[in-house]
Amino acid sequence: MNTLTVKIKDKKTEKEVKTFLDALGLTYKVESTNDDTELISSSKAMVKHLDAAKNEERKGKGTKVRLDDIWK
């Protein structure tokens, strides 16, 4: 048995894919996921903000925090 993962972004396409899989007689399960990386990268404003932060870090303007200090 193999597993195929398909990322579907809208309900119309989901319905069409399910109809196709049903026609083929295949079993499937639908799982919703919230991918924060995908959500963030879909916002032009957020990408611009992150790029600016990366540039500041490259110029030495960032602040380094030790991992041990985060969990205090």
Protein backbone atom coordinates (compact mmCIF):
# COMPACT_ATOMS: atom_id res chain seq x y z
CA MET A 1 0.00 0.00 0.00
CA ASN A 2 1.20 3.54 -0.80
CA THR A 3 0.16 6.90 0.61
CA LEU A 4 -0.36 9.95 -1.57
CA THR A 5 -0.56 13.38 0.06
CA VAL A 6 -2.40 16.09 -1.85
CA LYS A 7 -2.55 19.68 -0.61
CA ILE A 8 -5.91 21.20 -1.46
CA LYS A 9 -6.56 24.90 -0.89
CA ASP A 10 -10.31 25.19 -1.49
CA LYS A 11 -13.53 23.25 -0.90
CA LYS A 12 -14.42 23.03 -4.62
CA THR A 13 -11.19 21.26 -5.49
CA GLU A 14 -11.53 19.02 -2.43
CA LYS A 15 -14.99 17.92 -3.57
CA GLU A 16 -13.73 17.22 -7.11
CA VAL A 17 -10.78 15.16 -5.85
CA LYS A 18 -13.03 13.17 -3.52
CA THR A 19 -15.44 12.47 -6.38
CA PHE A 20 -12.53 11.28 -8.54
CA LEU A 21 -11.18 9.02 -5.79
CA ASP A 22 -14.67 7.61 -5.18
CA ALA A 23 -15.00 6.86 -8.90
CA LEU A 24 -11.73 4.92 -8.75
CA GLY A 25 -12.96 3.01 -5.71
CA LEU A 26 -10.11 4.25 -3.53
CA THR A 27 -10.33 4.83 0.20
CA TYR A 28 -9.07 8.09 1.64
CA LYS A 29 -9.18 10.27 4.72
CA VAL A 30 -9.27 14.04 4.92
CA GLU A 31 -7.11 15.78 7.50
CA SER A 32 -7.01 19.51 8.09
CA THR A 33 -3.65 21.01 8.98
CA ASN A 34 -2.60 24.48 9.95
CA ASP A 35 0.85 25.11 8.52
CA ASP A 36 2.08 28.33 10.12
CA THR A 37 5.02 28.59 7.74
CA GLU A 38 2.73 28.48 4.73
CA LEU A 39 0.40 31.01 6.34
CA ILE A 40 3.23 33.42 7.14
CA SER A 41 4.83 33.13 3.72
CA SER A 42 1.50 33.84 2.02
CA SER A 43 1.50 37.36 3.49
CA LYS A 44 3.64 39.82 1.51
CA ALA A 45 3.80 42.15 4.51
CA MET A 46 5.09 39.36 6.78
CA VAL A 47 7.69 38.25 4.22
CA LYS A 48 8.88 41.87 3.91
CA HIS A 49 9.10 42.15 7.71
CA LEU A 50 11.08 38.90 8.01
CA ASP A 51 13.46 39.92 5.20
CA ALA A 52 14.11 43.23 6.96
CA ALA A 53 14.83 41.39 10.22
CA LYS A 54 17.27 39.05 8.43
CA ASN A 55 19.08 42.04 6.90
CA GLU A 56 19.41 43.70 10.32
CA GLU A 57 20.87 40.48 11.73
CA ARG A 58 23.41 40.32 8.90
CA LYS A 59 24.46 43.90 9.73
CA GLY A 60 25.05 42.91 13.35
CA LYS A 61 22.00 44.77 14.68
CA GLY A 62 20.33 41.64 16.06
CA THR A 63 20.21 40.46 19.64
CA LYS A 64 21.40 36.97 20.44
CA VAL A 65 19.59 35.09 23.18
CA ARG A 66 20.88 31.81 24.55
CA LEU A 67 18.36 28.99 24.44
CA ASP A 68 18.84 28.39 28.17
CA ASP A 69 17.83 32.01 28.84
CA ILE A 70 14.56 31.68 26.95
CA TRP A 71 13.15 29.04 29.29
CA LYS A 72 13.89 30.84 32.58
